[in-house]
Amino acid sequence: IFATPIVRAGEAEFADWRKAWPGSVVGTLLTATTDHRGADYVRPVLILMGNEQQGLPPEMAALTDVNVKIPMRGRADSLNLSVATGIMIYAAA
């Protein structure tokens, strides 16, 4: 993280910037129908993660090329955000 540029942007700024992104933008959603292991990741991949309580806002999910879910066993419906992010980075690598 200390060698990676970080930019803070609002939704409108991100939407404008996203138009020039050369790869895929992948969001994670509990309601997605695509399994994270089967998504078509076009490199470079930008992964959008929501917060642990509310997930990715619908407005941001609409800016993705594909929304994916991480299947869960049993009655669990969410993972810790850092764990879910690690799973997504591994899947997209």
PDB file of N, CA and C in Angstrom:
ATOM      1  N   ILE A   1       0.823  -1.199   0.000  1.00  0.00           N
ATOM      2  CA  ILE A   1       0.000   0.000   0.000  1.00  0.00           C
ATOM      3  C   ILE A   1       0.870   1.267   0.000  1.00  0.00           C
ATOM      4  N   PHE A   2       2.073   1.189   0.539  1.00  0.00           N
ATOM      5  CA  PHE A   2       2.913   2.381   0.615  1.00  0.00           C
ATOM      6  C   PHE A   2       3.508   2.754  -0.737  1.00  0.00           C
ATOM      7  N   ALA A   3       3.467   1.853  -1.701  1.00  0.00           N
ATOM      8  CA  ALA A   3       4.001   2.133  -3.031  1.00  0.00           C
ATOM      9  C   ALA A   3       2.893   2.256  -4.070  1.00  0.00           C
ATOM     10  N   THR A   4       1.654   2.184  -3.640  1.00  0.00           N
ATOM     11  CA  THR A   4       0.519   2.234  -4.551  1.00  0.00           C
ATOM     12  C   THR A   4      -0.190   3.575  -4.418  1.00  0.00           C
ATOM     13  N   PRO A   5      -0.362   4.281  -5.543  1.00  0.00           N
ATOM     14  CA  PRO A   5      -1.094   5.551  -5.466  1.00  0.00           C
ATOM     15  C   PRO A   5      -2.539   5.306  -5.048  1.00  0.00           C
ATOM     16  N   ILE A   6      -3.042   6.124  -4.167  1.00  0.00           N
ATOM     17  CA  ILE A   6      -4.420   6.021  -3.700  1.00  0.00           C
ATOM     18  C   ILE A   6      -5.122   7.332  -4.026  1.00  0.00           C
ATOM     19  N   VAL A   7      -6.308   7.207  -4.594  1.00  0.00           N
ATOM     20  CA  VAL A   7      -7.082   8.378  -4.980  1.00  0.00           C
ATOM     21  C   VAL A   7      -8.452   8.286  -4.332  1.00  0.00           C
ATOM     22  N   ARG A   8      -8.907   9.372  -3.780  1.00  0.00           N
ATOM     23  CA  ARG A   8     -10.250   9.417  -3.212  1.00  0.00           C
ATOM     24  C   ARG A   8     -11.143  10.157  -4.206  1.00  0.00           C
ATOM     25  N   ALA A   9     -12.272   9.547  -4.546  1.00  0.00           N
ATOM     26  CA  ALA A   9     -13.167  10.150  -5.528  1.00  0.00           C
ATOM     27  C   ALA A   9     -14.607   9.862  -5.163  1.00  0.00           C
ATOM     28  N   GLY A  10     -15.475  10.757  -5.529  1.00  0.00           N
ATOM     29  CA  GLY A  10     -16.899  10.538  -5.361  1.00  0.00           C
ATOM     30  C   GLY A  10     -17.418   9.651  -6.483  1.00  0.00           C
ATOM     31  N   GLU A  11     -18.687   9.307  -6.396  1.00  0.00           N
ATOM     32  CA  GLU A  11     -19.279   8.406  -7.390  1.00  0.00           C
ATOM     33  C   GLU A  11     -19.206   8.976  -8.805  1.00  0.00           C
ATOM     34  N   ALA A  12     -19.528  10.233  -8.978  1.00  0.00           N
ATOM     35  CA  ALA A  12     -19.499  10.850 -10.310  1.00  0.00           C
ATOM     36  C   ALA A  12     -18.080  10.891 -10.874  1.00  0.00           C
ATOM     37  N   GLU A  13     -17.120  11.238 -10.032  1.00  0.00           N
ATOM     38  CA  GLU A  13     -15.722  11.258 -10.477  1.00  0.00           C
ATOM     39  C   GLU A  13     -15.261   9.864 -10.869  1.00  0.00           C
ATOM     40  N   PHE A  14     -15.630   8.859 -10.068  1.00  0.00           N
ATOM     41  CA  PHE A  14     -15.261   7.491 -10.392  1.00  0.00           C
ATOM     42  C   PHE A  14     -15.905   7.052 -11.706  1.00  0.00           C
ATOM     43  N   ALA A  15     -17.173   7.392 -11.909  1.00  0.00           N
ATOM     44  CA  ALA A  15     -17.879   7.017 -13.144  1.00  0.00           C
ATOM     45  C   ALA A  15     -17.174   7.598 -14.361  1.00  0.00           C
ATOM     46  N   ASP A  16     -16.723   8.839 -14.281  1.00  0.00           N
ATOM     47  CA  ASP A  16     -15.988   9.447 -15.396  1.00  0.00           C
ATOM     48  C   ASP A  16     -14.647   8.761 -15.614  1.00  0.00           C
ATOM     49  N   TRP A  17     -13.922   8.513 -14.537  1.00  0.00           N
ATOM     50  CA  TRP A  17     -12.612   7.867 -14.628  1.00  0.00           C
ATOM     51  C   TRP A  17     -12.739   6.451 -15.156  1.00  0.00           C
ATOM     52  N   ARG A  18     -13.771   5.747 -14.757  1.00  0.00           N
ATOM     53  CA  ARG A  18     -13.988   4.351 -15.108  1.00  0.00           C
ATOM     54  C   ARG A  18     -14.117   4.151 -16.619  1.00  0.00           C
ATOM     55  N   LYS A  19     -14.618   5.152 -17.336  1.00  0.00           N
ATOM     56  CA  LYS A  19     -14.794   5.060 -18.789  1.00  0.00           C
ATOM     57  C   LYS A  19     -13.481   4.772 -19.510  1.00  0.00           C
ATOM     58  N   ALA A  20     -12.382   5.227 -18.955  1.00  0.00           N
ATOM     59  CA  ALA A  20     -11.073   5.036 -19.585  1.00  0.00           C
ATOM     60  C   ALA A  20     -10.320   3.825 -19.038  1.00  0.00           C
ATOM     61  N   TRP A  21     -10.890   3.108 -18.086  1.00  0.00           N
ATOM     62  CA  TRP A  21     -10.213   1.939 -17.504  1.00  0.00           C
ATOM     63  C   TRP A  21     -10.090   0.859 -18.575  1.00  0.00           C
ATOM     64  N   PRO A  22      -8.881   0.368 -18.834  1.00  0.00           N
ATOM     65  CA  PRO A  22      -8.674  -0.571 -19.940  1.00  0.00           C
ATOM     66  C   PRO A  22      -9.077  -2.020 -19.656  1.00  0.00           C
ATOM     67  N   GLY A  23      -9.314  -2.373 -18.423  1.00  0.00           N
ATOM     68  CA  GLY A  23      -9.653  -3.756 -18.079  1.00  0.00           C
ATOM     69  C   GLY A  23     -11.080  -3.870 -17.598  1.00  0.00           C
ATOM     70  N   SER A  24     -11.315  -4.887 -16.775  1.00  0.00           N
ATOM     71  CA  SER A  24     -12.664  -5.100 -16.257  1.00  0.00           C
ATOM     72  C   SER A  24     -12.811  -4.512 -14.861  1.00  0.00           C
ATOM     73  N   VAL A  25     -14.024  -4.112 -14.572  1.00  0.00           N
ATOM     74  CA  VAL A  25     -14.395  -3.640 -13.241  1.00  0.00           C
ATOM     75  C   VAL A  25     -15.359  -4.682 -12.684  1.00  0.00           C
ATOM     76  N   VAL A  26     -14.983  -5.279 -11.570  1.00  0.00           N
ATOM     77  CA  VAL A  26     -15.743  -6.373 -10.968  1.00  0.00           C
ATOM     78  C   VAL A  26     -16.227  -5.934  -9.590  1.00  0.00           C
ATOM     79  N   GLY A  27     -17.501  -6.096  -9.342  1.00  0.00           N
ATOM     80  CA  GLY A  27     -18.065  -5.772  -8.038  1.00  0.00           C
ATOM     81  C   GLY A  27     -18.504  -7.044  -7.332  1.00  0.00           C
ATOM     82  N   THR A  28     -18.580  -6.985  -6.027  1.00  0.00           N
ATOM     83  CA  THR A  28     -19.070  -8.122  -5.251  1.00  0.00           C
ATOM     84  C   THR A  28     -20.440  -7.776  -4.682  1.00  0.00           C
ATOM     85  N   LEU A  29     -21.387  -8.682  -4.912  1.00  0.00           N
ATOM     86  CA  LEU A  29     -22.754  -8.483  -4.436  1.00  0.00           C
ATOM     87  C   LEU A  29     -23.318  -9.797  -3.936  1.00  0.00           C
ATOM     88  N   LEU A  30     -24.017  -9.748  -2.842  1.00  0.00           N
ATOM     89  CA  LEU A  30     -24.664 -10.938  -2.303  1.00  0.00           C
ATOM     90  C   LEU A  30     -25.724 -11.467  -3.271  1.00  0.00           C
ATOM     91  N   THR A  31     -26.349 -10.578  -4.019  1.00  0.00           N
ATOM     92  CA  THR A  31     -27.415 -10.971  -4.945  1.00  0.00           C
ATOM     93  C   THR A  31     -26.916 -11.324  -6.348  1.00  0.00           C
ATOM     94  N   ALA A  32     -25.612 -11.260  -6.584  1.00  0.00           N
ATOM     95  CA  ALA A  32     -25.069 -11.576  -7.911  1.00  0.00           C
ATOM     96  C   ALA A  32     -25.322 -13.039  -8.251  1.00  0.00           C
ATOM     97  N   THR A  33     -25.393 -13.338  -9.536  1.00  0.00           N
ATOM     98  CA  THR A  33     -25.620 -14.712  -9.970  1.00  0.00           C
ATOM     99  C   THR A  33     -24.343 -15.372 -10.494  1.00  0.00           C
ATOM    100  N   THR A  34     -23.295 -14.580 -10.714  1.00  0.00           N
ATOM    101  CA  THR A  34     -22.030 -15.114 -11.226  1.00  0.00           C
ATOM    102  C   THR A  34     -21.106 -15.465 -10.067  1.00  0.00           C
ATOM    103  N   ASP A  35     -20.622 -16.690 -10.062  1.00  0.00           N
ATOM    104  CA  ASP A  35     -19.656 -17.144  -9.063  1.00  0.00           C
ATOM    105  C   ASP A  35     -18.317 -16.454  -9.334  1.00  0.00           C
ATOM    106  N   HIS A  36     -17.635 -16.013  -8.293  1.00  0.00           N
ATOM    107  CA  HIS A  36     -16.364 -15.301  -8.473  1.00  0.00           C
ATOM    108  C   HIS A  36     -15.321 -16.145  -9.198  1.00  0.00           C
ATOM    109  N   ARG A  37     -15.430 -17.461  -9.122  1.00  0.00           N
ATOM    110  CA  ARG A  37     -14.466 -18.342  -9.778  1.00  0.00           C
ATOM    111  C   ARG A  37     -14.726 -18.471 -11.268  1.00  0.00           C
ATOM    112  N   GLY A  38     -15.919 -18.129 -11.723  1.00  0.00           N
ATOM    113  CA  GLY A  38     -16.262 -18.292 -13.129  1.00  0.00           C
ATOM    114  C   GLY A  38     -16.349 -16.993 -13.908  1.00  0.00           C
ATOM    115  N   ALA A  39     -16.032 -15.887 -13.285  1.00  0.00           N
ATOM    116  CA  ALA A  39     -16.131 -14.593 -13.965  1.00  0.00           C
ATOM    117  C   ALA A  39     -15.007 -14.437 -14.993  1.00  0.00           C
ATOM    118  N   ASP A  40     -15.283 -13.658 -16.023  1.00  0.00           N
ATOM    119  CA  ASP A  40     -14.298 -13.370 -17.058  1.00  0.00           C
ATOM    120  C   ASP A  40     -13.537 -12.103 -16.652  1.00  0.00           C
ATOM    121  N   TYR A  41     -12.387 -12.292 -16.045  1.00  0.00           N
ATOM    122  CA  TYR A  41     -11.579 -11.157 -15.591  1.00  0.00           C
ATOM    123  C   TYR A  41     -10.672 -10.700 -16.726  1.00  0.00           C
ATOM    124  N   VAL A  42     -10.879  -9.487 -17.216  1.00  0.00           N
ATOM    125  CA  VAL A  42     -10.029  -8.907 -18.251  1.00  0.00           C
ATOM    126  C   VAL A  42      -9.026  -7.998 -17.552  1.00  0.00           C
ATOM    127  N   ARG A  43      -7.760  -8.333 -17.685  1.00  0.00           N
ATOM    128  CA  ARG A  43      -6.716  -7.584 -16.989  1.00  0.00           C
ATOM    129  C   ARG A  43      -6.419  -6.265 -17.678  1.00  0.00           C
ATOM    130  N   PRO A  44      -6.141  -5.227 -16.917  1.00  0.00           N
ATOM    131  CA  PRO A  44      -6.084  -5.186 -15.455  1.00  0.00           C
ATOM    132  C   PRO A  44      -7.492  -5.218 -14.862  1.00  0.00           C
ATOM    133  N   VAL A  45      -7.580  -5.759 -13.662  1.00  0.00           N
ATOM    134  CA  VAL A  45      -8.868  -5.910 -12.986  1.00  0.00           C
ATOM    135  C   VAL A  45      -8.967  -4.917 -11.835  1.00  0.00           C
ATOM    136  N   LEU A  46     -10.073  -4.220 -11.792  1.00  0.00           N
ATOM    137  CA  LEU A  46     -10.380  -3.322 -10.687  1.00  0.00           C
ATOM    138  C   LEU A  46     -11.534  -3.964  -9.920  1.00  0.00           C
ATOM    139  N   ILE A  47     -11.336  -4.200  -8.636  1.00  0.00           N
ATOM    140  CA  ILE A  47     -12.337  -4.878  -7.819  1.00  0.00           C
ATOM    141  C   ILE A  47     -12.994  -3.866  -6.882  1.00  0.00           C
ATOM    142  N   LEU A  48     -14.319  -3.797  -6.931  1.00  0.00           N
ATOM    143  CA  LEU A  48     -15.071  -2.920  -6.039  1.00  0.00           C
ATOM    144  C   LEU A  48     -15.675  -3.754  -4.923  1.00  0.00           C
ATOM    145  N   MET A  49     -15.373  -3.382  -3.706  1.00  0.00           N
ATOM    146  CA  MET A  49     -15.887  -4.071  -2.526  1.00  0.00           C
ATOM    147  C   MET A  49     -16.724  -3.074  -1.719  1.00  0.00           C
ATOM    148  N   GLY A  50     -17.859  -3.531  -1.228  1.00  0.00           N
ATOM    149  CA  GLY A  50     -18.674  -2.688  -0.368  1.00  0.00           C
ATOM    150  C   GLY A  50     -18.267  -2.858   1.080  1.00  0.00           C
ATOM    151  N   ASN A  51     -18.962  -2.179   1.961  1.00  0.00           N
ATOM    152  CA  ASN A  51     -18.637  -2.339   3.378  1.00  0.00           C
ATOM    153  C   ASN A  51     -19.292  -3.602   3.924  1.00  0.00           C
ATOM    154  N   GLU A  52     -18.911  -3.993   5.125  1.00  0.00           N
ATOM    155  CA  GLU A  52     -19.374  -5.268   5.692  1.00  0.00           C
ATOM    156  C   GLU A  52     -20.863  -5.275   6.006  1.00  0.00           C
ATOM    157  N   GLN A  53     -21.442  -4.148   6.333  1.00  0.00           N
ATOM    158  CA  GLN A  53     -22.849  -4.126   6.732  1.00  0.00           C
ATOM    159  C   GLN A  53     -23.799  -3.997   5.547  1.00  0.00           C
ATOM    160  N   GLN A  54     -23.476  -3.109   4.609  1.00  0.00           N
ATOM    161  CA  GLN A  54     -24.427  -2.816   3.539  1.00  0.00           C
ATOM    162  C   GLN A  54     -23.973  -3.314   2.171  1.00  0.00           C
ATOM    163  N   GLY A  55     -22.730  -3.690   2.042  1.00  0.00           N
ATOM    164  CA  GLY A  55     -22.237  -4.153   0.755  1.00  0.00           C
ATOM    165  C   GLY A  55     -22.014  -3.007  -0.224  1.00  0.00           C
ATOM    166  N   LEU A  56     -21.885  -3.363  -1.474  1.00  0.00           N
ATOM    167  CA  LEU A  56     -21.639  -2.389  -2.539  1.00  0.00           C
ATOM    168  C   LEU A  56     -22.938  -1.648  -2.861  1.00  0.00           C
ATOM    169  N   PRO A  57     -22.916  -0.312  -2.848  1.00  0.00           N
ATOM    170  CA  PRO A  57     -24.137   0.434  -3.170  1.00  0.00           C
ATOM    171  C   PRO A  57     -24.592   0.142  -4.606  1.00  0.00           C
ATOM    172  N   PRO A  58     -25.893   0.115  -4.853  1.00  0.00           N
ATOM    173  CA  PRO A  58     -26.408  -0.180  -6.189  1.00  0.00           C
ATOM    174  C   PRO A  58     -25.842   0.730  -7.277  1.00  0.00           C
ATOM    175  N   GLU A  59     -25.614   1.992  -6.944  1.00  0.00           N
ATOM    176  CA  GLU A  59     -25.080   2.931  -7.929  1.00  0.00           C
ATOM    177  C   GLU A  59     -23.670   2.523  -8.370  1.00  0.00           C
ATOM    178  N   MET A  60     -22.877   2.011  -7.442  1.00  0.00           N
ATOM    179  CA  MET A  60     -21.530   1.562  -7.780  1.00  0.00           C
ATOM    180  C   MET A  60     -21.574   0.212  -8.494  1.00  0.00           C
ATOM    181  N   ALA A  61     -22.486  -0.656  -8.085  1.00  0.00           N
ATOM    182  CA  ALA A  61     -22.638  -1.958  -8.744  1.00  0.00           C
ATOM    183  C   ALA A  61     -23.008  -1.772 -10.211  1.00  0.00           C
ATOM    184  N   ALA A  62     -23.738  -0.716 -10.516  1.00  0.00           N
ATOM    185  CA  ALA A  62     -24.139  -0.442 -11.898  1.00  0.00           C
ATOM    186  C   ALA A  62     -22.954  -0.019 -12.769  1.00  0.00           C
ATOM    187  N   LEU A  63     -21.849   0.367 -12.161  1.00  0.00           N
ATOM    188  CA  LEU A  63     -20.668   0.810 -12.909  1.00  0.00           C
ATOM    189  C   LEU A  63     -19.709  -0.333 -13.224  1.00  0.00           C
ATOM    190  N   THR A  64     -20.079  -1.546 -12.873  1.00  0.00           N
ATOM    191  CA  THR A  64     -19.190  -2.683 -13.093  1.00  0.00           C
ATOM    192  C   THR A  64     -19.482  -3.376 -14.416  1.00  0.00           C
ATOM    193  N   ASP A  65     -18.505  -4.167 -14.866  1.00  0.00           N
ATOM    194  CA  ASP A  65     -18.720  -5.023 -16.034  1.00  0.00           C
ATOM    195  C   ASP A  65     -19.436  -6.294 -15.613  1.00  0.00           C
ATOM    196  N   VAL A  66     -19.131  -6.762 -14.413  1.00  0.00           N
ATOM    197  CA  VAL A  66     -19.766  -7.958 -13.874  1.00  0.00           C
ATOM    198  C   VAL A  66     -19.776  -7.865 -12.355  1.00  0.00           C
ATOM    199  N   ASN A  67     -20.862  -8.346 -11.767  1.00  0.00           N
ATOM    200  CA  ASN A  67     -20.951  -8.461 -10.314  1.00  0.00           C
ATOM    201  C   ASN A  67     -20.898  -9.939  -9.972  1.00  0.00           C
ATOM    202  N   VAL A  68     -20.129 -10.271  -8.959  1.00  0.00           N
ATOM    203  CA  VAL A  68     -19.915 -11.663  -8.591  1.00  0.00           C
ATOM    204  C   VAL A  68     -20.240 -11.871  -7.115  1.00  0.00           C
ATOM    205  N   LYS A  69     -20.394 -13.137  -6.770  1.00  0.00           N
ATOM    206  CA  LYS A  69     -20.586 -13.471  -5.359  1.00  0.00           C
ATOM    207  C   LYS A  69     -19.603 -14.561  -4.980  1.00  0.00           C
ATOM    208  N   ILE A  70     -19.305 -14.624  -3.717  1.00  0.00           N
ATOM    209  CA  ILE A  70     -18.471 -15.682  -3.159  1.00  0.00           C
ATOM    210  C   ILE A  70     -19.436 -16.646  -2.473  1.00  0.00           C
ATOM    211  N   PRO A  71     -19.596 -17.846  -3.013  1.00  0.00           N
ATOM    212  CA  PRO A  71     -20.558 -18.784  -2.423  1.00  0.00           C
ATOM    213  C   PRO A  71     -20.203 -19.101  -0.966  1.00  0.00           C
ATOM    214  N   MET A  72     -21.238 -19.272  -0.168  1.00  0.00           N
ATOM    215  CA  MET A  72     -21.063 -19.558   1.252  1.00  0.00           C
ATOM    216  C   MET A  72     -21.807 -20.846   1.583  1.00  0.00           C
ATOM    217  N   ARG A  73     -21.272 -21.612   2.501  1.00  0.00           N
ATOM    218  CA  ARG A  73     -21.962 -22.814   2.977  1.00  0.00           C
ATOM    219  C   ARG A  73     -22.817 -22.469   4.180  1.00  0.00           C
ATOM    220  N   GLY A  74     -23.831 -23.254   4.365  1.00  0.00           N
ATOM    221  CA  GLY A  74     -24.678 -23.061   5.539  1.00  0.00           C
ATOM    222  C   GLY A  74     -25.507 -21.801   5.447  1.00  0.00           C
ATOM    223  N   ARG A  75     -25.757 -21.184   6.593  1.00  0.00           N
ATOM    224  CA  ARG A  75     -26.612 -20.005   6.640  1.00  0.00           C
ATOM    225  C   ARG A  75     -25.833 -18.698   6.655  1.00  0.00           C
ATOM    226  N   ALA A  76     -24.520 -18.768   6.612  1.00  0.00           N
ATOM    227  CA  ALA A  76     -23.724 -17.538   6.593  1.00  0.00           C
ATOM    228  C   ALA A  76     -24.002 -16.789   5.296  1.00  0.00           C
ATOM    229  N   ASP A  77     -24.062 -15.465   5.391  1.00  0.00           N
ATOM    230  CA  ASP A  77     -24.323 -14.680   4.187  1.00  0.00           C
ATOM    231  C   ASP A  77     -23.248 -13.640   3.910  1.00  0.00           C
ATOM    232  N   SER A  78     -22.196 -13.613   4.732  1.00  0.00           N
ATOM    233  CA  SER A  78     -21.146 -12.633   4.472  1.00  0.00           C
ATOM    234  C   SER A  78     -19.834 -13.074   5.105  1.00  0.00           C
ATOM    235  N   LEU A  79     -18.771 -12.481   4.602  1.00  0.00           N
ATOM    236  CA  LEU A  79     -17.429 -12.693   5.134  1.00  0.00           C
ATOM    237  C   LEU A  79     -16.895 -11.372   5.654  1.00  0.00           C
ATOM    238  N   ASN A  80     -15.879 -11.435   6.461  1.00  0.00           N
ATOM    239  CA  ASN A  80     -15.142 -10.239   6.844  1.00  0.00           C
ATOM    240  C   ASN A  80     -14.640  -9.594   5.555  1.00  0.00           C
ATOM    241  N   LEU A  81     -14.687  -8.279   5.471  1.00  0.00           N
ATOM    242  CA  LEU A  81     -14.318  -7.579   4.238  1.00  0.00           C
ATOM    243  C   LEU A  81     -12.889  -7.882   3.811  1.00  0.00           C
ATOM    244  N   SER A  82     -11.963  -7.955   4.745  1.00  0.00           N
ATOM    245  CA  SER A  82     -10.577  -8.228   4.358  1.00  0.00           C
ATOM    246  C   SER A  82     -10.424  -9.651   3.817  1.00  0.00           C
ATOM    247  N   VAL A  83     -11.145 -10.608   4.379  1.00  0.00           N
ATOM    248  CA  VAL A  83     -11.104 -11.986   3.887  1.00  0.00           C
ATOM    249  C   VAL A  83     -11.708 -12.051   2.485  1.00  0.00           C
ATOM    250  N   ALA A  84     -12.866 -11.419   2.290  1.00  0.00           N
ATOM    251  CA  ALA A  84     -13.516 -11.412   0.982  1.00  0.00           C
ATOM    252  C   ALA A  84     -12.633 -10.732  -0.062  1.00  0.00           C
ATOM    253  N   THR A  85     -11.957  -9.660   0.321  1.00  0.00           N
ATOM    254  CA  THR A  85     -11.069  -8.965  -0.610  1.00  0.00           C
ATOM    255  C   THR A  85      -9.904  -9.869  -1.001  1.00  0.00           C
ATOM    256  N   GLY A  86      -9.340 -10.586  -0.045  1.00  0.00           N
ATOM    257  CA  GLY A  86      -8.256 -11.515  -0.349  1.00  0.00           C
ATOM    258  C   GLY A  86      -8.688 -12.603  -1.314  1.00  0.00           C
ATOM    259  N   ILE A  87      -9.887 -13.125  -1.122  1.00  0.00           N
ATOM    260  CA  ILE A  87     -10.428 -14.145  -2.026  1.00  0.00           C
ATOM    261  C   ILE A  87     -10.585 -13.573  -3.438  1.00  0.00           C
ATOM    262  N   MET A  88     -11.082 -12.370  -3.533  1.00  0.00           N
ATOM    263  CA  MET A  88     -11.272 -11.746  -4.849  1.00  0.00           C
ATOM    264  C   MET A  88      -9.933 -11.451  -5.536  1.00  0.00           C
ATOM    265  N   ILE A  89      -8.956 -10.994  -4.795  1.00  0.00           N
ATOM    266  CA  ILE A  89      -7.638 -10.730  -5.389  1.00  0.00           C
ATOM    267  C   ILE A  89      -7.047 -12.029  -5.911  1.00  0.00           C
ATOM    268  N   TYR A  90      -7.174 -13.091  -5.163  1.00  0.00           N
ATOM    269  CA  TYR A  90      -6.664 -14.402  -5.581  1.00  0.00           C
ATOM    270  C   TYR A  90      -7.386 -14.871  -6.852  1.00  0.00           C
ATOM    271  N   ALA A  91      -8.706 -14.704  -6.902  1.00  0.00           N
ATOM    272  CA  ALA A  91      -9.470 -15.153  -8.057  1.00  0.00           C
ATOM    273  C   ALA A  91      -9.122 -14.366  -9.316  1.00  0.00           C
ATOM    274  N   ALA A  92      -8.839 -13.086  -9.152  1.00  0.00           N
ATOM    275  CA  ALA A  92      -8.569 -12.233 -10.309  1.00  0.00           C
ATOM    276  C   ALA A  92      -7.125 -12.282 -10.754  1.00  0.00           C
ATOM    277  N   ALA A  93      -6.261 -12.856  -9.939  1.00  0.00           N
ATOM    278  CA  ALA A  93      -4.819 -12.867 -10.270  1.00  0.00           C
ATOM    279  C   ALA A  93      -4.491 -13.849 -11.374  1.00  0.00           C
TER     280      ALA A  93
END
